[in-house]
Amino acid sequence: MRLLAFVTEGATIQRILTHIGEPAQAPMAKPARGPPDWDQEPEPGMGWEGQMPAEPEFEFDQRISW
């Protein structure tokens, strides 16, 4: 496969897409959604007790040593 030409004219691009059976218009973009609720504290009494992992009893060295 090799590149033959760049098509930059809108009318020509629409004709080509229609000829090969593809939609000539881009689909509508969906609206953005809000951030995840990870940063919110759980409400008390929802069974979240003990869900967080316990702190390790040792200090973990994260430096890279090759």
PDB file of N, CA and C in Angstrom:
ATOM      1  N   MET A   1       0.849  -1.161   0.000  1.00  0.00           N
ATOM      2  CA  MET A   1       0.000   0.000   0.000  1.00  0.00           C
ATOM      3  C   MET A   1       0.901   1.231   0.000  1.00  0.00           C
ATOM      4  N   ARG A   2       0.511   2.212  -0.792  1.00  0.00           N
ATOM      5  CA  ARG A   2       1.283   3.448  -0.811  1.00  0.00           C
ATOM      6  C   ARG A   2       0.341   4.640  -0.959  1.00  0.00           C
ATOM      7  N   LEU A   3       0.802   5.770  -0.539  1.00  0.00           N
ATOM      8  CA  LEU A   3       0.023   7.001  -0.571  1.00  0.00           C
ATOM      9  C   LEU A   3       0.026   7.557  -1.989  1.00  0.00           C
ATOM     10  N   LEU A   4      -1.165   7.826  -2.500  1.00  0.00           N
ATOM     11  CA  LEU A   4      -1.281   8.357  -3.853  1.00  0.00           C
ATOM     12  C   LEU A   4      -1.540   9.857  -3.865  1.00  0.00           C
ATOM     13  N   ALA A   5      -2.379  10.338  -2.930  1.00  0.00           N
ATOM     14  CA  ALA A   5      -2.730  11.754  -2.936  1.00  0.00           C
ATOM     15  C   ALA A   5      -3.337  12.154  -1.597  1.00  0.00           C
ATOM     16  N   PHE A   6      -3.298  13.444  -1.325  1.00  0.00           N
ATOM     17  CA  PHE A   6      -3.998  14.025  -0.187  1.00  0.00           C
ATOM     18  C   PHE A   6      -5.253  14.698  -0.725  1.00  0.00           C
ATOM     19  N   VAL A   7      -6.394  14.350  -0.157  1.00  0.00           N
ATOM     20  CA  VAL A   7      -7.644  14.983  -0.556  1.00  0.00           C
ATOM     21  C   VAL A   7      -7.984  15.988   0.532  1.00  0.00           C
ATOM     22  N   THR A   8      -8.081  17.266   0.176  1.00  0.00           N
ATOM     23  CA  THR A   8      -8.313  18.310   1.167  1.00  0.00           C
ATOM     24  C   THR A   8      -9.612  19.064   0.959  1.00  0.00           C
ATOM     25  N   GLU A   9     -10.288  18.869  -0.154  1.00  0.00           N
ATOM     26  CA  GLU A   9     -11.532  19.584  -0.423  1.00  0.00           C
ATOM     27  C   GLU A   9     -12.700  18.832   0.202  1.00  0.00           C
ATOM     28  N   GLY A  10     -13.499  19.559   0.974  1.00  0.00           N
ATOM     29  CA  GLY A  10     -14.607  18.944   1.703  1.00  0.00           C
ATOM     30  C   GLY A  10     -15.624  18.259   0.820  1.00  0.00           C
ATOM     31  N   ALA A  11     -15.989  18.884  -0.283  1.00  0.00           N
ATOM     32  CA  ALA A  11     -16.994  18.301  -1.178  1.00  0.00           C
ATOM     33  C   ALA A  11     -16.497  16.982  -1.764  1.00  0.00           C
ATOM     34  N   THR A  12     -15.240  16.927  -2.135  1.00  0.00           N
ATOM     35  CA  THR A  12     -14.665  15.700  -2.697  1.00  0.00           C
ATOM     36  C   THR A  12     -14.621  14.599  -1.645  1.00  0.00           C
ATOM     37  N   ILE A  13     -14.253  14.953  -0.432  1.00  0.00           N
ATOM     38  CA  ILE A  13     -14.201  13.964   0.650  1.00  0.00           C
ATOM     39  C   ILE A  13     -15.590  13.406   0.919  1.00  0.00           C
ATOM     40  N   GLN A  14     -16.619  14.259   0.938  1.00  0.00           N
ATOM     41  CA  GLN A  14     -17.982  13.789   1.168  1.00  0.00           C
ATOM     42  C   GLN A  14     -18.441  12.863   0.046  1.00  0.00           C
ATOM     43  N   ARG A  15     -18.102  13.178  -1.194  1.00  0.00           N
ATOM     44  CA  ARG A  15     -18.474  12.310  -2.320  1.00  0.00           C
ATOM     45  C   ARG A  15     -17.806  10.946  -2.206  1.00  0.00           C
ATOM     46  N   ILE A  16     -16.537  10.924  -1.829  1.00  0.00           N
ATOM     47  CA  ILE A  16     -15.819   9.645  -1.700  1.00  0.00           C
ATOM     48  C   ILE A  16     -16.429   8.813  -0.576  1.00  0.00           C
ATOM     49  N   LEU A  17     -16.671   9.432   0.580  1.00  0.00           N
ATOM     50  CA  LEU A  17     -17.239   8.693   1.702  1.00  0.00           C
ATOM     51  C   LEU A  17     -18.634   8.154   1.364  1.00  0.00           C
ATOM     52  N   THR A  18     -19.458   8.945   0.700  1.00  0.00           N
ATOM     53  CA  THR A  18     -20.788   8.499   0.306  1.00  0.00           C
ATOM     54  C   THR A  18     -20.682   7.339  -0.679  1.00  0.00           C
ATOM     55  N   HIS A  19     -19.742   7.403  -1.595  1.00  0.00           N
ATOM     56  CA  HIS A  19     -19.563   6.345  -2.599  1.00  0.00           C
ATOM     57  C   HIS A  19     -19.177   5.012  -1.962  1.00  0.00           C
ATOM     58  N   ILE A  20     -18.341   5.042  -0.939  1.00  0.00           N
ATOM     59  CA  ILE A  20     -17.912   3.778  -0.316  1.00  0.00           C
ATOM     60  C   ILE A  20     -18.849   3.340   0.810  1.00  0.00           C
ATOM     61  N   GLY A  21     -19.932   4.094   1.035  1.00  0.00           N
ATOM     62  CA  GLY A  21     -20.928   3.672   2.012  1.00  0.00           C
ATOM     63  C   GLY A  21     -20.655   4.102   3.446  1.00  0.00           C
ATOM     64  N   GLU A  22     -19.808   5.068   3.627  1.00  0.00           N
ATOM     65  CA  GLU A  22     -19.504   5.582   4.967  1.00  0.00           C
ATOM     66  C   GLU A  22     -20.260   6.885   5.190  1.00  0.00           C
ATOM     67  N   PRO A  23     -20.570   7.203   6.452  1.00  0.00           N
ATOM     68  CA  PRO A  23     -21.251   8.473   6.711  1.00  0.00           C
ATOM     69  C   PRO A  23     -20.339   9.653   6.391  1.00  0.00           C
ATOM     70  N   ALA A  24     -20.898  10.679   5.777  1.00  0.00           N
ATOM     71  CA  ALA A  24     -20.110  11.839   5.379  1.00  0.00           C
ATOM     72  C   ALA A  24     -19.952  12.841   6.522  1.00  0.00           C
ATOM     73  N   GLN A  25     -20.775  12.714   7.565  1.00  0.00           N
ATOM     74  CA  GLN A  25     -20.694  13.616   8.709  1.00  0.00           C
ATOM     75  C   GLN A  25     -20.163  12.850   9.913  1.00  0.00           C
ATOM     76  N   ALA A  26     -19.390  13.538  10.735  1.00  0.00           N
ATOM     77  CA  ALA A  26     -18.864  12.924  11.951  1.00  0.00           C
ATOM     78  C   ALA A  26     -20.000  12.722  12.952  1.00  0.00           C
ATOM     79  N   PRO A  27     -19.937  11.667  13.793  1.00  0.00           N
ATOM     80  CA  PRO A  27     -20.987  11.470  14.788  1.00  0.00           C
ATOM     81  C   PRO A  27     -20.938  12.569  15.848  1.00  0.00           C
ATOM     82  N   MET A  28     -22.081  12.796  16.481  1.00  0.00           N
ATOM     83  CA  MET A  28     -22.157  13.801  17.533  1.00  0.00           C
ATOM     84  C   MET A  28     -21.337  13.342  18.736  1.00  0.00           C
ATOM     85  N   ALA A  29     -20.624  14.277  19.337  1.00  0.00           N
ATOM     86  CA  ALA A  29     -19.834  13.962  20.524  1.00  0.00           C
ATOM     87  C   ALA A  29     -20.740  13.870  21.738  1.00  0.00           C
ATOM     88  N   LYS A  30     -20.456  12.899  22.611  1.00  0.00           N
ATOM     89  CA  LYS A  30     -21.229  12.764  23.831  1.00  0.00           C
ATOM     90  C   LYS A  30     -20.746  13.802  24.839  1.00  0.00           C
ATOM     91  N   PRO A  31     -21.613  14.251  25.732  1.00  0.00           N
ATOM     92  CA  PRO A  31     -21.182  15.235  26.724  1.00  0.00           C
ATOM     93  C   PRO A  31     -20.178  14.617  27.695  1.00  0.00           C
ATOM     94  N   ALA A  32     -19.310  15.461  28.201  1.00  0.00           N
ATOM     95  CA  ALA A  32     -18.301  14.994  29.150  1.00  0.00           C
ATOM     96  C   ALA A  32     -18.969  14.595  30.457  1.00  0.00           C
ATOM     97  N   ARG A  33     -18.360  13.652  31.138  1.00  0.00           N
ATOM     98  CA  ARG A  33     -18.905  13.238  32.427  1.00  0.00           C
ATOM     99  C   ARG A  33     -18.052  13.807  33.549  1.00  0.00           C
ATOM    100  N   GLY A  34     -18.577  13.792  34.724  1.00  0.00           N
ATOM    101  CA  GLY A  34     -17.885  14.332  35.885  1.00  0.00           C
ATOM    102  C   GLY A  34     -16.765  13.414  36.356  1.00  0.00           C
ATOM    103  N   PRO A  35     -15.960  13.885  37.301  1.00  0.00           N
ATOM    104  CA  PRO A  35     -14.872  13.054  37.813  1.00  0.00           C
ATOM    105  C   PRO A  35     -15.417  11.897  38.647  1.00  0.00           C
ATOM    106  N   PRO A  36     -14.628  10.850  38.823  1.00  0.00           N
ATOM    107  CA  PRO A  36     -15.099   9.723  39.637  1.00  0.00           C
ATOM    108  C   PRO A  36     -15.247  10.144  41.092  1.00  0.00           C
ATOM    109  N   ASP A  37     -16.019   9.390  41.837  1.00  0.00           N
ATOM    110  CA  ASP A  37     -16.285   9.704  43.234  1.00  0.00           C
ATOM    111  C   ASP A  37     -15.220   9.142  44.166  1.00  0.00           C
ATOM    112  N   TRP A  38     -14.038   8.854  43.680  1.00  0.00           N
ATOM    113  CA  TRP A  38     -12.995   8.266  44.517  1.00  0.00           C
ATOM    114  C   TRP A  38     -12.541   9.205  45.627  1.00  0.00           C
ATOM    115  N   ASP A  39     -12.578  10.512  45.376  1.00  0.00           N
ATOM    116  CA  ASP A  39     -12.056  11.461  46.342  1.00  0.00           C
ATOM    117  C   ASP A  39     -13.030  11.744  47.480  1.00  0.00           C
ATOM    118  N   GLN A  40     -14.254  11.297  47.377  1.00  0.00           N
ATOM    119  CA  GLN A  40     -15.233  11.571  48.419  1.00  0.00           C
ATOM    120  C   GLN A  40     -15.110  10.554  49.542  1.00  0.00           C
ATOM    121  N   GLU A  41     -15.253  11.031  50.760  1.00  0.00           N
ATOM    122  CA  GLU A  41     -15.207  10.155  51.922  1.00  0.00           C
ATOM    123  C   GLU A  41     -16.507   9.358  51.988  1.00  0.00           C
ATOM    124  N   PRO A  42     -16.437   8.090  52.362  1.00  0.00           N
ATOM    125  CA  PRO A  42     -17.673   7.316  52.499  1.00  0.00           C
ATOM    126  C   PRO A  42     -18.491   7.809  53.692  1.00  0.00           C
ATOM    127  N   GLU A  43     -19.790   7.663  53.591  1.00  0.00           N
ATOM    128  CA  GLU A  43     -20.653   8.052  54.695  1.00  0.00           C
ATOM    129  C   GLU A  43     -20.491   7.049  55.831  1.00  0.00           C
ATOM    130  N   PRO A  44     -20.526   7.520  57.075  1.00  0.00           N
ATOM    131  CA  PRO A  44     -20.387   6.578  58.190  1.00  0.00           C
ATOM    132  C   PRO A  44     -21.544   5.585  58.224  1.00  0.00           C
ATOM    133  N   GLY A  45     -21.228   4.378  58.627  1.00  0.00           N
ATOM    134  CA  GLY A  45     -22.263   3.359  58.756  1.00  0.00           C
ATOM    135  C   GLY A  45     -22.597   2.648  57.466  1.00  0.00           C
ATOM    136  N   MET A  46     -21.784   2.809  56.424  1.00  0.00           N
ATOM    137  CA  MET A  46     -22.077   2.147  55.154  1.00  0.00           C
ATOM    138  C   MET A  46     -21.310   0.840  54.983  1.00  0.00           C
ATOM    139  N   GLY A  47     -20.687   0.348  56.053  1.00  0.00           N
ATOM    140  CA  GLY A  47     -19.952  -0.908  55.956  1.00  0.00           C
ATOM    141  C   GLY A  47     -18.558  -0.751  55.380  1.00  0.00           C
ATOM    142  N   TRP A  48     -17.987   0.450  55.472  1.00  0.00           N
ATOM    143  CA  TRP A  48     -16.661   0.685  54.924  1.00  0.00           C
ATOM    144  C   TRP A  48     -15.562   0.400  55.932  1.00  0.00           C
ATOM    145  N   GLU A  49     -15.913   0.053  57.155  1.00  0.00           N
ATOM    146  CA  GLU A  49     -14.906  -0.205  58.174  1.00  0.00           C
ATOM    147  C   GLU A  49     -14.050  -1.402  57.750  1.00  0.00           C
ATOM    148  N   GLY A  50     -12.776  -1.285  57.894  1.00  0.00           N
ATOM    149  CA  GLY A  50     -11.873  -2.380  57.558  1.00  0.00           C
ATOM    150  C   GLY A  50     -11.617  -2.538  56.076  1.00  0.00           C
ATOM    151  N   GLN A  51     -12.108  -1.656  55.236  1.00  0.00           N
ATOM    152  CA  GLN A  51     -11.900  -1.772  53.801  1.00  0.00           C
ATOM    153  C   GLN A  51     -10.518  -1.298  53.376  1.00  0.00           C
ATOM    154  N   MET A  52      -9.958  -0.336  54.102  1.00  0.00           N
ATOM    155  CA  MET A  52      -8.641   0.187  53.754  1.00  0.00           C
ATOM    156  C   MET A  52      -7.572  -0.789  54.239  1.00  0.00           C
ATOM    157  N   PRO A  53      -6.551  -1.050  53.432  1.00  0.00           N
ATOM    158  CA  PRO A  53      -5.486  -1.955  53.887  1.00  0.00           C
ATOM    159  C   PRO A  53      -4.710  -1.328  55.038  1.00  0.00           C
ATOM    160  N   ALA A  54      -4.255  -2.166  55.920  1.00  0.00           N
ATOM    161  CA  ALA A  54      -3.486  -1.697  57.071  1.00  0.00           C
ATOM    162  C   ALA A  54      -2.109  -1.226  56.625  1.00  0.00           C
ATOM    163  N   GLU A  55      -1.554  -0.287  57.353  1.00  0.00           N
ATOM    164  CA  GLU A  55      -0.199   0.185  57.067  1.00  0.00           C
ATOM    165  C   GLU A  55       0.783  -0.957  57.312  1.00  0.00           C
ATOM    166  N   PRO A  56       1.786  -1.129  56.441  1.00  0.00           N
ATOM    167  CA  PRO A  56       2.763  -2.194  56.693  1.00  0.00           C
ATOM    168  C   PRO A  56       3.594  -1.888  57.937  1.00  0.00           C
ATOM    169  N   GLU A  57       4.070  -2.929  58.581  1.00  0.00           N
ATOM    170  CA  GLU A  57       4.844  -2.770  59.808  1.00  0.00           C
ATOM    171  C   GLU A  57       6.306  -2.462  59.521  1.00  0.00           C
ATOM    172  N   PHE A  58       6.697  -2.414  58.255  1.00  0.00           N
ATOM    173  CA  PHE A  58       8.071  -2.135  57.885  1.00  0.00           C
ATOM    174  C   PHE A  58       8.098  -0.981  56.893  1.00  0.00           C
ATOM    175  N   GLU A  59       9.260  -0.348  56.779  1.00  0.00           N
ATOM    176  CA  GLU A  59       9.410   0.734  55.821  1.00  0.00           C
ATOM    177  C   GLU A  59       9.896   0.153  54.507  1.00  0.00           C
ATOM    178  N   PHE A  60       9.210   0.472  53.433  1.00  0.00           N
ATOM    179  CA  PHE A  60       9.522  -0.068  52.115  1.00  0.00           C
ATOM    180  C   PHE A  60      10.365   0.930  51.339  1.00  0.00           C
ATOM    181  N   ASP A  61      11.549   0.514  50.914  1.00  0.00           N
ATOM    182  CA  ASP A  61      12.456   1.370  50.171  1.00  0.00           C
ATOM    183  C   ASP A  61      12.098   1.290  48.696  1.00  0.00           C
ATOM    184  N   GLN A  62      11.670   2.421  48.109  1.00  0.00           N
ATOM    185  CA  GLN A  62      11.247   2.441  46.724  1.00  0.00           C
ATOM    186  C   GLN A  62      12.316   2.966  45.774  1.00  0.00           C
ATOM    187  N   ARG A  63      13.523   3.149  46.259  1.00  0.00           N
ATOM    188  CA  ARG A  63      14.587   3.615  45.366  1.00  0.00           C
ATOM    189  C   ARG A  63      14.984   2.498  44.409  1.00  0.00           C
ATOM    190  N   ILE A  64      15.406   2.887  43.235  1.00  0.00           N
ATOM    191  CA  ILE A  64      15.840   1.922  42.225  1.00  0.00           C
ATOM    192  C   ILE A  64      17.319   1.636  42.444  1.00  0.00           C
ATOM    193  N   SER A  65      17.651   0.377  42.506  1.00  0.00           N
ATOM    194  CA  SER A  65      19.068  -0.007  42.613  1.00  0.00           C
ATOM    195  C   SER A  65      19.331  -1.100  41.602  1.00  0.00           C
ATOM    196  N   TRP A  66      20.249  -0.843  40.713  1.00  0.00           N
ATOM    197  CA  TRP A  66      20.547  -1.797  39.653  1.00  0.00           C
ATOM    198  C   TRP A  66      21.719  -2.606  39.998  1.00  0.00           C
TER     199      TRP A  66
END
